[in-house]
Each structure stands twice: as structure tokens, then as C-alpha cells.
Amino acid sequence: VESGGGLVQAGGSLRLSCAASGSMFRISAMGWFRQAPGKQRELV
């Protein structure tokens, strides 16, 4: 579950959070991706 997005002016800051639950013991990596309109999802 992600949170922390919003509207900000250029030069500003935001902090995104991702709360994970469930069977975490097999998780080897976590990350953030993004997808802009008309573009492919990319690793951040």
C-alpha cells in the first residue's frame, strides 16, 4: 500500500511510503517504479 503522493512545485520534495504485509520472508528486493502518461513503466 503506497502513500505520500500529491502535487508539488518544481524544486520541492515528497516522501513516498510503501507498507508491506503478508509473507515477507521470501521477499528479496523492493523498489519503486513509475509510469507517465503514454510511456512505459520504468524503474526508479
PDB file of all heavy atoms in Angstrom:
ATOM      1  N   VAL A   1       0.852  -1.190   0.000  1.00  0.00           N
ATOM      2  CA  VAL A   1       0.000   0.000   0.000  1.00  0.00           C
ATOM      3  C   VAL A   1       0.884   1.234   0.000  1.00  0.00           C
ATOM      4  O   VAL A   1       1.650   1.462   0.940  1.00  0.00           O
ATOM      5  CB  VAL A   1      -0.933   0.021   1.226  1.00  0.00           C
ATOM      6  CG1 VAL A   1      -1.780   1.285   1.214  1.00  0.00           C
ATOM      7  CG2 VAL A   1      -1.819  -1.219   1.236  1.00  0.00           C
ATOM      8  N   GLU A   2       0.778   2.014  -1.074  1.00  0.00           N
ATOM      9  CA  GLU A   2       1.574   3.236  -1.196  1.00  0.00           C
ATOM     10  C   GLU A   2       0.822   4.423  -0.617  1.00  0.00           C
ATOM     11  O   GLU A   2      -0.414   4.455  -0.611  1.00  0.00           O
ATOM     12  CB  GLU A   2       1.909   3.547  -2.656  1.00  0.00           C
ATOM     13  CG  GLU A   2       2.664   2.475  -3.408  1.00  0.00           C
ATOM     14  CD  GLU A   2       1.775   1.687  -4.327  1.00  0.00           C
ATOM     15  OE1 GLU A   2       0.574   1.579  -4.023  1.00  0.00           O
ATOM     16  OE2 GLU A   2       2.265   1.187  -5.358  1.00  0.00           O
ATOM     17  N   SER A   3       1.584   5.417  -0.201  1.00  0.00           N
ATOM     18  CA  SER A   3       1.014   6.694   0.248  1.00  0.00           C
ATOM     19  C   SER A   3       2.070   7.772   0.078  1.00  0.00           C
ATOM     20  O   SER A   3       3.253   7.472  -0.125  1.00  0.00           O
ATOM     21  CB  SER A   3       0.561   6.609   1.707  1.00  0.00           C
ATOM     22  OG  SER A   3       1.651   6.317   2.549  1.00  0.00           O
ATOM     23  N   GLY A   4       1.619   9.017   0.134  1.00  0.00           N
ATOM     24  CA  GLY A   4       2.557  10.136   0.116  1.00  0.00           C
ATOM     25  C   GLY A   4       2.615  10.916  -1.174  1.00  0.00           C
ATOM     26  O   GLY A   4       3.327  11.916  -1.263  1.00  0.00           O
ATOM     27  N   GLY A   5       1.886  10.487  -2.191  1.00  0.00           N
ATOM     28  CA  GLY A   5       1.885  11.239  -3.429  1.00  0.00           C
ATOM     29  C   GLY A   5       1.127  12.543  -3.293  1.00  0.00           C
ATOM     30  O   GLY A   5       0.506  12.809  -2.256  1.00  0.00           O
ATOM     31  N   GLY A   6       1.211  13.361  -4.337  1.00  0.00           N
ATOM     32  CA  GLY A   6       0.489  14.627  -4.306  1.00  0.00           C
ATOM     33  C   GLY A   6       1.004  15.584  -5.348  1.00  0.00           C
ATOM     34  O   GLY A   6       1.718  15.201  -6.270  1.00  0.00           O
ATOM     35  N   LEU A   7       0.618  16.838  -5.172  1.00  0.00           N
ATOM     36  CA  LEU A   7       1.005  17.910  -6.079  1.00  0.00           C
ATOM     37  C   LEU A   7       2.062  18.772  -5.399  1.00  0.00           C
ATOM     38  O   LEU A   7       1.887  19.187  -4.250  1.00  0.00           O
ATOM     39  CB  LEU A   7      -0.220  18.756  -6.430  1.00  0.00           C
ATOM     40  CG  LEU A   7       0.017  20.016  -7.244  1.00  0.00           C
ATOM     41  CD1 LEU A   7       0.564  19.677  -8.624  1.00  0.00           C
ATOM     42  CD2 LEU A   7      -1.284  20.822  -7.351  1.00  0.00           C
ATOM     43  N   VAL A   8       3.147  19.023  -6.120  1.00  0.00           N
ATOM     44  CA  VAL A   8       4.230  19.833  -5.567  1.00  0.00           C
ATOM     45  C   VAL A   8       4.820  20.692  -6.672  1.00  0.00           C
ATOM     46  O   VAL A   8       4.772  20.312  -7.860  1.00  0.00           O
ATOM     47  CB  VAL A   8       5.302  18.914  -4.940  1.00  0.00           C
ATOM     48  CG1 VAL A   8       5.963  18.038  -5.983  1.00  0.00           C
ATOM     49  CG2 VAL A   8       6.318  19.701  -4.145  1.00  0.00           C
ATOM     50  N   GLN A   9       5.359  21.833  -6.312  1.00  0.00           N
ATOM     51  CA  GLN A   9       6.014  22.686  -7.297  1.00  0.00           C
ATOM     52  C   GLN A   9       7.412  22.162  -7.606  1.00  0.00           C
ATOM     53  O   GLN A   9       8.039  21.476  -6.783  1.00  0.00           O
ATOM     54  CB  GLN A   9       6.111  24.112  -6.769  1.00  0.00           C
ATOM     55  CG  GLN A   9       4.786  24.841  -6.735  1.00  0.00           C
ATOM     56  CD  GLN A   9       4.950  26.298  -6.380  1.00  0.00           C
ATOM     57  OE1 GLN A   9       5.907  26.695  -5.724  1.00  0.00           O
ATOM     58  NE2 GLN A   9       3.998  27.121  -6.829  1.00  0.00           N
ATOM     59  N   ALA A  10       7.893  22.504  -8.786  1.00  0.00           N
ATOM     60  CA  ALA A  10       9.252  22.126  -9.166  1.00  0.00           C
ATOM     61  C   ALA A  10      10.242  22.633  -8.114  1.00  0.00           C
ATOM     62  O   ALA A  10      10.124  23.748  -7.617  1.00  0.00           O
ATOM     63  CB  ALA A  10       9.592  22.704 -10.532  1.00  0.00           C
ATOM     64  N   GLY A  11      11.194  21.750  -7.789  1.00  0.00           N
ATOM     65  CA  GLY A  11      12.160  22.066  -6.747  1.00  0.00           C
ATOM     66  C   GLY A  11      11.757  21.596  -5.368  1.00  0.00           C
ATOM     67  O   GLY A  11      12.585  21.591  -4.445  1.00  0.00           O
ATOM     68  N   GLY A  12      10.520  21.171  -5.229  1.00  0.00           N
ATOM     69  CA  GLY A  12      10.028  20.705  -3.942  1.00  0.00           C
ATOM     70  C   GLY A  12      10.366  19.257  -3.670  1.00  0.00           C
ATOM     71  O   GLY A  12      11.082  18.606  -4.442  1.00  0.00           O
ATOM     72  N   SER A  13       9.828  18.771  -2.544  1.00  0.00           N
ATOM     73  CA  SER A  13      10.121  17.411  -2.101  1.00  0.00           C
ATOM     74  C   SER A  13       8.843  16.665  -1.729  1.00  0.00           C
ATOM     75  O   SER A  13       7.840  17.288  -1.330  1.00  0.00           O
ATOM     76  CB  SER A  13      11.045  17.438  -0.877  1.00  0.00           C
ATOM     77  OG  SER A  13      12.283  18.033  -1.172  1.00  0.00           O
ATOM     78  N   LEU A  14       8.902  15.358  -1.857  1.00  0.00           N
ATOM     79  CA  LEU A  14       7.854  14.466  -1.383  1.00  0.00           C
ATOM     80  C   LEU A  14       8.511  13.200  -0.858  1.00  0.00           C
ATOM     81  O   LEU A  14       9.597  12.822  -1.328  1.00  0.00           O
ATOM     82  CB  LEU A  14       6.881  14.086  -2.499  1.00  0.00           C
ATOM     83  CG  LEU A  14       5.836  15.095  -2.957  1.00  0.00           C
ATOM     84  CD1 LEU A  14       5.088  14.556  -4.173  1.00  0.00           C
ATOM     85  CD2 LEU A  14       4.860  15.422  -1.841  1.00  0.00           C
ATOM     86  N   ARG A  15       7.834  12.542   0.072  1.00  0.00           N
ATOM     87  CA  ARG A  15       8.295  11.239   0.523  1.00  0.00           C
ATOM     88  C   ARG A  15       7.179  10.225   0.347  1.00  0.00           C
ATOM     89  O   ARG A  15       6.079  10.388   0.906  1.00  0.00           O
ATOM     90  CB  ARG A  15       8.747  11.256   1.981  1.00  0.00           C
ATOM     91  CG  ARG A  15       9.422   9.928   2.369  1.00  0.00           C
ATOM     92  CD  ARG A  15       9.980   9.924   3.780  1.00  0.00           C
ATOM     93  NE  ARG A  15       8.962   9.635   4.763  1.00  0.00           N
ATOM     94  CZ  ARG A  15       9.210   9.104   5.960  1.00  0.00           C
ATOM     95  NH1 ARG A  15      10.472   8.793   6.287  1.00  0.00           N
ATOM     96  NH2 ARG A  15       8.234   8.903   6.819  1.00  0.00           N
ATOM     97  N   LEU A  16       7.462   9.215  -0.433  1.00  0.00           N
ATOM     98  CA  LEU A  16       6.509   8.135  -0.643  1.00  0.00           C
ATOM     99  C   LEU A  16       6.793   7.004   0.344  1.00  0.00           C
ATOM    100  O   LEU A  16       7.956   6.738   0.665  1.00  0.00           O
ATOM    101  CB  LEU A  16       6.604   7.592  -2.073  1.00  0.00           C
ATOM    102  CG  LEU A  16       6.437   8.596  -3.205  1.00  0.00           C
ATOM    103  CD1 LEU A  16       6.491   7.875  -4.547  1.00  0.00           C
ATOM    104  CD2 LEU A  16       5.163   9.392  -3.060  1.00  0.00           C
ATOM    105  N   SER A  17       5.732   6.366   0.784  1.00  0.00           N
ATOM    106  CA  SER A  17       5.861   5.211   1.679  1.00  0.00           C
ATOM    107  C   SER A  17       5.156   4.023   1.060  1.00  0.00           C
ATOM    108  O   SER A  17       4.125   4.182   0.394  1.00  0.00           O
ATOM    109  CB  SER A  17       5.232   5.514   3.045  1.00  0.00           C
ATOM    110  OG  SER A  17       5.873   6.586   3.684  1.00  0.00           O
ATOM    111  N   CYS A  18       5.693   2.849   1.301  1.00  0.00           N
ATOM    112  CA  CYS A  18       5.079   1.601   0.834  1.00  0.00           C
ATOM    113  C   CYS A  18       5.061   0.630   2.009  1.00  0.00           C
ATOM    114  O   CYS A  18       6.115   0.137   2.420  1.00  0.00           O
ATOM    115  CB  CYS A  18       5.847   1.011  -0.328  1.00  0.00           C
ATOM    116  SG  CYS A  18       5.275  -0.630  -0.838  1.00  0.00           S
ATOM    117  N   ALA A  19       3.876   0.409   2.541  1.00  0.00           N
ATOM    118  CA  ALA A  19       3.721  -0.509   3.664  1.00  0.00           C
ATOM    119  C   ALA A  19       3.407  -1.899   3.126  1.00  0.00           C
ATOM    120  O   ALA A  19       2.447  -2.075   2.375  1.00  0.00           O
ATOM    121  CB  ALA A  19       2.606  -0.033   4.582  1.00  0.00           C
ATOM    122  N   ALA A  20       4.222  -2.871   3.509  1.00  0.00           N
ATOM    123  CA  ALA A  20       4.056  -4.239   3.037  1.00  0.00           C
ATOM    124  C   ALA A  20       3.519  -5.122   4.146  1.00  0.00           C
ATOM    125  O   ALA A  20       3.843  -4.942   5.316  1.00  0.00           O
ATOM    126  CB  ALA A  20       5.389  -4.783   2.534  1.00  0.00           C
ATOM    127  N   SER A  21       2.695  -6.067   3.770  1.00  0.00           N
ATOM    128  CA  SER A  21       2.176  -7.044   4.733  1.00  0.00           C
ATOM    129  C   SER A  21       2.055  -8.396   4.054  1.00  0.00           C
ATOM    130  O   SER A  21       2.037  -8.488   2.832  1.00  0.00           O
ATOM    131  CB  SER A  21       0.830  -6.601   5.289  1.00  0.00           C
ATOM    132  OG  SER A  21      -0.120  -6.464   4.244  1.00  0.00           O
ATOM    133  N   GLY A  22       1.982  -9.440   4.879  1.00  0.00           N
ATOM    134  CA  GLY A  22       1.870 -10.783   4.334  1.00  0.00           C
ATOM    135  C   GLY A  22       3.164 -11.559   4.500  1.00  0.00           C
ATOM    136  O   GLY A  22       3.926 -11.327   5.425  1.00  0.00           O
ATOM    137  N   SER A  23       3.432 -12.464   3.562  1.00  0.00           N
ATOM    138  CA  SER A  23       4.586 -13.371   3.641  1.00  0.00           C
ATOM    139  C   SER A  23       5.858 -12.669   3.167  1.00  0.00           C
ATOM    140  O   SER A  23       6.322 -12.888   2.048  1.00  0.00           O
ATOM    141  CB  SER A  23       4.309 -14.617   2.808  1.00  0.00           C
ATOM    142  OG  SER A  23       3.154 -15.280   3.241  1.00  0.00           O
ATOM    143  N   MET A  24       6.419 -11.845   4.046  1.00  0.00           N
ATOM    144  CA  MET A  24       7.578 -11.035   3.672  1.00  0.00           C
ATOM    145  C   MET A  24       8.896 -11.807   3.675  1.00  0.00           C
ATOM    146  O   MET A  24       9.890 -11.343   3.115  1.00  0.00           O
ATOM    147  CB  MET A  24       7.687  -9.837   4.611  1.00  0.00           C
ATOM    148  CG  MET A  24       6.551  -8.855   4.477  1.00  0.00           C
ATOM    149  SD  MET A  24       6.511  -8.112   2.826  1.00  0.00           S
ATOM    150  CE  MET A  24       8.083  -7.261   2.804  1.00  0.00           C
ATOM    151  N   PHE A  25       8.927 -12.985   4.284  1.00  0.00           N
ATOM    152  CA  PHE A  25      10.214 -13.664   4.465  1.00  0.00           C
ATOM    153  C   PHE A  25      10.840 -14.114   3.143  1.00  0.00           C
ATOM    154  O   PHE A  25      12.031 -14.363   3.084  1.00  0.00           O
ATOM    155  CB  PHE A  25      10.057 -14.853   5.414  1.00  0.00           C
ATOM    156  CG  PHE A  25       9.198 -15.969   4.872  1.00  0.00           C
ATOM    157  CD1 PHE A  25       9.761 -17.059   4.233  1.00  0.00           C
ATOM    158  CD2 PHE A  25       7.810 -15.932   5.004  1.00  0.00           C
ATOM    159  CE1 PHE A  25       8.975 -18.093   3.743  1.00  0.00           C
ATOM    160  CE2 PHE A  25       7.020 -16.946   4.510  1.00  0.00           C
ATOM    161  CZ  PHE A  25       7.604 -18.033   3.878  1.00  0.00           C
ATOM    162  N   ARG A  26      10.031 -14.197   2.095  1.00  0.00           N
ATOM    163  CA  ARG A  26      10.588 -14.602   0.801  1.00  0.00           C
ATOM    164  C   ARG A  26      10.894 -13.412  -0.111  1.00  0.00           C
ATOM    165  O   ARG A  26      11.306 -13.598  -1.243  1.00  0.00           O
ATOM    166  CB  ARG A  26       9.621 -15.556   0.088  1.00  0.00           C
ATOM    167  CG  ARG A  26       9.490 -16.900   0.780  1.00  0.00           C
ATOM    168  CD  ARG A  26       8.678 -17.872  -0.025  1.00  0.00           C
ATOM    169  NE  ARG A  26       8.601 -19.187   0.596  1.00  0.00           N
ATOM    170  CZ  ARG A  26       8.007 -20.232   0.047  1.00  0.00           C
ATOM    171  NH1 ARG A  26       7.429 -20.130  -1.130  1.00  0.00           N
ATOM    172  NH2 ARG A  26       7.986 -21.384   0.686  1.00  0.00           N
ATOM    173  N   ILE A  27      10.679 -12.199   0.382  1.00  0.00           N
ATOM    174  CA  ILE A  27      10.931 -11.015  -0.422  1.00  0.00           C
ATOM    175  C   ILE A  27      12.416 -10.695  -0.419  1.00  0.00           C
ATOM    176  O   ILE A  27      13.020 -10.510   0.628  1.00  0.00           O
ATOM    177  CB  ILE A  27      10.129  -9.808   0.095  1.00  0.00           C
ATOM    178  CG1 ILE A  27       8.625 -10.101  -0.001  1.00  0.00           C
ATOM    179  CG2 ILE A  27      10.488  -8.549  -0.673  1.00  0.00           C
ATOM    180  CD1 ILE A  27       8.141 -10.394  -1.404  1.00  0.00           C
ATOM    181  N   SER A  28      13.020 -10.644  -1.605  1.00  0.00           N
ATOM    182  CA  SER A  28      14.451 -10.390  -1.717  1.00  0.00           C
ATOM    183  C   SER A  28      14.762  -8.958  -2.123  1.00  0.00           C
ATOM    184  O   SER A  28      15.884  -8.492  -1.916  1.00  0.00           O
ATOM    185  CB  SER A  28      15.065 -11.345  -2.742  1.00  0.00           C
ATOM    186  OG  SER A  28      14.457 -11.163  -4.011  1.00  0.00           O
ATOM    187  N   ALA A  29      13.803  -8.272  -2.692  1.00  0.00           N
ATOM    188  CA  ALA A  29      14.054  -6.899  -3.133  1.00  0.00           C
ATOM    189  C   ALA A  29      12.735  -6.139  -3.178  1.00  0.00           C
ATOM    190  O   ALA A  29      11.674  -6.727  -3.435  1.00  0.00           O
ATOM    191  CB  ALA A  29      14.708  -6.873  -4.503  1.00  0.00           C
ATOM    192  N   MET A  30      12.830  -4.848  -2.935  1.00  0.00           N
ATOM    193  CA  MET A  30      11.677  -3.967  -3.080  1.00  0.00           C
ATOM    194  C   MET A  30      12.120  -2.728  -3.833  1.00  0.00           C
ATOM    195  O   MET A  30      13.305  -2.360  -3.803  1.00  0.00           O
ATOM    196  CB  MET A  30      11.090  -3.600  -1.725  1.00  0.00           C
ATOM    197  CG  MET A  30      10.514  -4.786  -0.982  1.00  0.00           C
ATOM    198  SD  MET A  30       9.655  -4.331   0.538  1.00  0.00           S
ATOM    199  CE  MET A  30       8.202  -3.515  -0.121  1.00  0.00           C
ATOM    200  N   GLY A  31      11.178  -2.107  -4.489  1.00  0.00           N
ATOM    201  CA  GLY A  31      11.564  -0.937  -5.259  1.00  0.00           C
ATOM    202  C   GLY A  31      10.387  -0.076  -5.629  1.00  0.00           C
ATOM    203  O   GLY A  31       9.234  -0.355  -5.262  1.00  0.00           O
ATOM    204  N   TRP A  32      10.715   0.985  -6.350  1.00  0.00           N
ATOM    205  CA  TRP A  32       9.731   1.922  -6.872  1.00  0.00           C
ATOM    206  C   TRP A  32       9.881   2.014  -8.373  1.00  0.00           C
ATOM    207  O   TRP A  32      10.997   2.131  -8.883  1.00  0.00           O
ATOM    208  CB  TRP A  32       9.926   3.303  -6.252  1.00  0.00           C
ATOM    209  CG  TRP A  32       9.581   3.359  -4.800  1.00  0.00           C
ATOM    210  CD1 TRP A  32      10.415   3.183  -3.741  1.00  0.00           C
ATOM    211  CD2 TRP A  32       8.281   3.613  -4.250  1.00  0.00           C
ATOM    212  NE1 TRP A  32       9.719   3.309  -2.569  1.00  0.00           N
ATOM    213  CE2 TRP A  32       8.405   3.570  -2.854  1.00  0.00           C
ATOM    214  CE3 TRP A  32       7.028   3.869  -4.802  1.00  0.00           C
ATOM    215  CZ2 TRP A  32       7.323   3.788  -1.994  1.00  0.00           C
ATOM    216  CZ3 TRP A  32       5.956   4.083  -3.961  1.00  0.00           C
ATOM    217  CH2 TRP A  32       6.098   4.035  -2.576  1.00  0.00           C
ATOM    218  N   PHE A  33       8.752   1.963  -9.045  1.00  0.00           N
ATOM    219  CA  PHE A  33       8.667   2.175 -10.483  1.00  0.00           C
ATOM    220  C   PHE A  33       7.736   3.364 -10.706  1.00  0.00           C
ATOM    221  O   PHE A  33       6.996   3.760  -9.807  1.00  0.00           O
ATOM    222  CB  PHE A  33       8.106   0.937 -11.184  1.00  0.00           C
ATOM    223  CG  PHE A  33       9.068  -0.202 -11.304  1.00  0.00           C
ATOM    224  CD1 PHE A  33       9.462  -0.914 -10.181  1.00  0.00           C
ATOM    225  CD2 PHE A  33       9.565  -0.580 -12.533  1.00  0.00           C
ATOM    226  CE1 PHE A  33      10.347  -1.976 -10.284  1.00  0.00           C
ATOM    227  CE2 PHE A  33      10.446  -1.648 -12.653  1.00  0.00           C
ATOM    228  CZ  PHE A  33      10.834  -2.351 -11.530  1.00  0.00           C
ATOM    229  N   ARG A  34       7.777   3.920 -11.897  1.00  0.00           N
ATOM    230  CA  ARG A  34       6.844   4.982 -12.239  1.00  0.00           C
ATOM    231  C   ARG A  34       6.412   4.846 -13.687  1.00  0.00           C
ATOM    232  O   ARG A  34       7.132   4.291 -14.514  1.00  0.00           O
ATOM    233  CB  ARG A  34       7.450   6.366 -11.994  1.00  0.00           C
ATOM    234  CG  ARG A  34       8.619   6.732 -12.912  1.00  0.00           C
ATOM    235  CD  ARG A  34       9.215   8.055 -12.474  1.00  0.00           C
ATOM    236  NE  ARG A  34      10.336   8.456 -13.326  1.00  0.00           N
ATOM    237  CZ  ARG A  34      11.121   9.497 -13.085  1.00  0.00           C
ATOM    238  NH1 ARG A  34      10.914  10.256 -11.997  1.00  0.00           N
ATOM    239  NH2 ARG A  34      12.101   9.792 -13.904  1.00  0.00           N
ATOM    240  N   GLN A  35       5.231   5.375 -13.951  1.00  0.00           N
ATOM    241  CA  GLN A  35       4.694   5.346 -15.300  1.00  0.00           C
ATOM    242  C   GLN A  35       4.017   6.666 -15.599  1.00  0.00           C
ATOM    243  O   GLN A  35       3.027   7.034 -14.950  1.00  0.00           O
ATOM    244  CB  GLN A  35       3.717   4.191 -15.487  1.00  0.00           C
ATOM    245  CG  GLN A  35       3.266   3.991 -16.922  1.00  0.00           C
ATOM    246  CD  GLN A  35       2.559   2.668 -17.131  1.00  0.00           C
ATOM    247  OE1 GLN A  35       2.104   2.021 -16.185  1.00  0.00           O
ATOM    248  NE2 GLN A  35       2.496   2.227 -18.378  1.00  0.00           N
ATOM    249  N   ALA A  36       4.569   7.372 -16.572  1.00  0.00           N
ATOM    250  CA  ALA A  36       3.994   8.629 -17.028  1.00  0.00           C
ATOM    251  C   ALA A  36       3.024   8.340 -18.168  1.00  0.00           C
ATOM    252  O   ALA A  36       3.142   7.310 -18.839  1.00  0.00           O
ATOM    253  CB  ALA A  36       5.098   9.568 -17.480  1.00  0.00           C
ATOM    254  N   PRO A  37       2.075   9.235 -18.423  1.00  0.00           N
ATOM    255  CA  PRO A  37       1.108   9.015 -19.495  1.00  0.00           C
ATOM    256  C   PRO A  37       1.800   8.773 -20.833  1.00  0.00           C
ATOM    257  O   PRO A  37       2.699   9.522 -21.222  1.00  0.00           O
ATOM    258  CB  PRO A  37       0.304  10.315 -19.523  1.00  0.00           C
ATOM    259  CG  PRO A  37       0.408  10.843 -18.138  1.00  0.00           C
ATOM    260  CD  PRO A  37       1.784  10.475 -17.675  1.00  0.00           C
ATOM    261  N   GLY A  38       1.411   7.696 -21.509  1.00  0.00           N
ATOM    262  CA  GLY A  38       1.959   7.384 -22.819  1.00  0.00           C
ATOM    263  C   GLY A  38       3.340   6.781 -22.805  1.00  0.00           C
ATOM    264  O   GLY A  38       3.942   6.561 -23.866  1.00  0.00           O
ATOM    265  N   LYS A  39       3.862   6.491 -21.610  1.00  0.00           N
ATOM    266  CA  LYS A  39       5.211   5.925 -21.505  1.00  0.00           C
ATOM    267  C   LYS A  39       5.168   4.580 -20.789  1.00  0.00           C
ATOM    268  O   LYS A  39       4.207   4.253 -20.089  1.00  0.00           O
ATOM    269  CB  LYS A  39       6.141   6.885 -20.765  1.00  0.00           C
ATOM    270  CG  LYS A  39       6.395   8.183 -21.495  1.00  0.00           C
ATOM    271  CD  LYS A  39       7.460   9.005 -20.805  1.00  0.00           C
ATOM    272  CE  LYS A  39       7.774  10.276 -21.572  1.00  0.00           C
ATOM    273  NZ  LYS A  39       8.848  11.072 -20.907  1.00  0.00           N
ATOM    274  N   GLN A  40       6.246   3.817 -20.962  1.00  0.00           N
ATOM    275  CA  GLN A  40       6.343   2.530 -20.293  1.00  0.00           C
ATOM    276  C   GLN A  40       6.712   2.716 -18.828  1.00  0.00           C
ATOM    277  O   GLN A  40       7.320   3.721 -18.443  1.00  0.00           O
ATOM    278  CB  GLN A  40       7.404   1.663 -20.983  1.00  0.00           C
ATOM    279  CG  GLN A  40       6.998   1.160 -22.357  1.00  0.00           C
ATOM    280  CD  GLN A  40       7.994   0.158 -22.927  1.00  0.00           C
ATOM    281  OE1 GLN A  40       9.182   0.218 -22.632  1.00  0.00           O
ATOM    282  NE2 GLN A  40       7.504  -0.768 -23.725  1.00  0.00           N
ATOM    283  N   ARG A  41       6.329   1.732 -18.027  1.00  0.00           N
ATOM    284  CA  ARG A  41       6.713   1.755 -16.619  1.00  0.00           C
ATOM    285  C   ARG A  41       8.227   1.578 -16.533  1.00  0.00           C
ATOM    286  O   ARG A  41       8.805   0.722 -17.212  1.00  0.00           O
ATOM    287  CB  ARG A  41       5.992   0.644 -15.859  1.00  0.00           C
ATOM    288  CG  ARG A  41       6.087   0.737 -14.358  1.00  0.00           C
ATOM    289  CD  ARG A  41       5.213  -0.287 -13.667  1.00  0.00           C
ATOM    290  NE  ARG A  41       3.794  -0.056 -13.944  1.00  0.00           N
ATOM    291  CZ  ARG A  41       2.797  -0.682 -13.327  1.00  0.00           C
ATOM    292  NH1 ARG A  41       3.090  -1.591 -12.386  1.00  0.00           N
ATOM    293  NH2 ARG A  41       1.549  -0.424 -13.632  1.00  0.00           N
ATOM    294  N   GLU A  42       8.864   2.373 -15.672  1.00  0.00           N
ATOM    295  CA  GLU A  42      10.315   2.318 -15.566  1.00  0.00           C
ATOM    296  C   GLU A  42      10.748   2.231 -14.109  1.00  0.00           C
ATOM    297  O   GLU A  42      10.069   2.746 -13.214  1.00  0.00           O
ATOM    298  CB  GLU A  42      10.947   3.568 -16.201  1.00  0.00           C
ATOM    299  CG  GLU A  42      10.577   4.871 -15.543  1.00  0.00           C
ATOM    300  CD  GLU A  42      11.318   6.066 -16.122  1.00  0.00           C
ATOM    301  OE1 GLU A  42      12.131   5.890 -17.031  1.00  0.00           O
ATOM    302  OE2 GLU A  42      11.095   7.183 -15.625  1.00  0.00           O
ATOM    303  N   LEU A  43      11.895   1.595 -13.900  1.00  0.00           N
ATOM    304  CA  LEU A  43      12.459   1.507 -12.560  1.00  0.00           C
ATOM    305  C   LEU A  43      12.964   2.871 -12.115  1.00  0.00           C
ATOM    306  O   LEU A  43      13.647   3.576 -12.862  1.00  0.00           O
ATOM    307  CB  LEU A  43      13.615   0.503 -12.551  1.00  0.00           C
ATOM    308  CG  LEU A  43      14.423   0.431 -11.259  1.00  0.00           C
ATOM    309  CD1 LEU A  43      13.586  -0.159 -10.134  1.00  0.00           C
ATOM    310  CD2 LEU A  43      15.698  -0.366 -11.467  1.00  0.00           C
ATOM    311  N   VAL A  44      12.629   3.228 -10.883  1.00  0.00           N
ATOM    312  CA  VAL A  44      13.136   4.457 -10.282  1.00  0.00           C
ATOM    313  C   VAL A  44      14.264   4.129  -9.309  1.00  0.00           C
ATOM    314  O   VAL A  44      15.349   4.675  -9.382  1.00  0.00           O
ATOM    315  CB  VAL A  44      12.013   5.214  -9.557  1.00  0.00           C
ATOM    316  CG1 VAL A  44      12.570   6.449  -8.853  1.00  0.00           C
ATOM    317  CG2 VAL A  44      10.909   5.598 -10.522  1.00  0.00           C
TER     318      VAL A  44
END
